[in-house]
């Protein structure tokens, strides 16, 4: 399978359950408000341990295309770190690194 097809398959699987991570609780609340205003179901929850062992708040979003989600977050000026797909075993796959994600050196 080509890399493009593999990435497309990831995106199709990801539309079912996405997790967005943030550097602050304020940004998570801003995400909940912005997406909720668009009729998107958002559930704030602790960041899954498989994504990060630090404490923090993430947003779980169902049935939204990852590219559309990132566009909505940027349009609402929400500072997010990453968008992850969770498979049936809750194993995360990073789909998009946010513009406010810490660098690998941090």
Foldseek 3Di string as FASTA:
>chain_A
DDPVVVLVVQQVQQLAKKKWAAPDVVLQVLLCVQVVVVVWDKDKDWDDVLVPVDTGIIIMTGRDGPVVSLVSCVVSVRFTAFMWGQHPVGRTDTNDGGPNHDDPVD
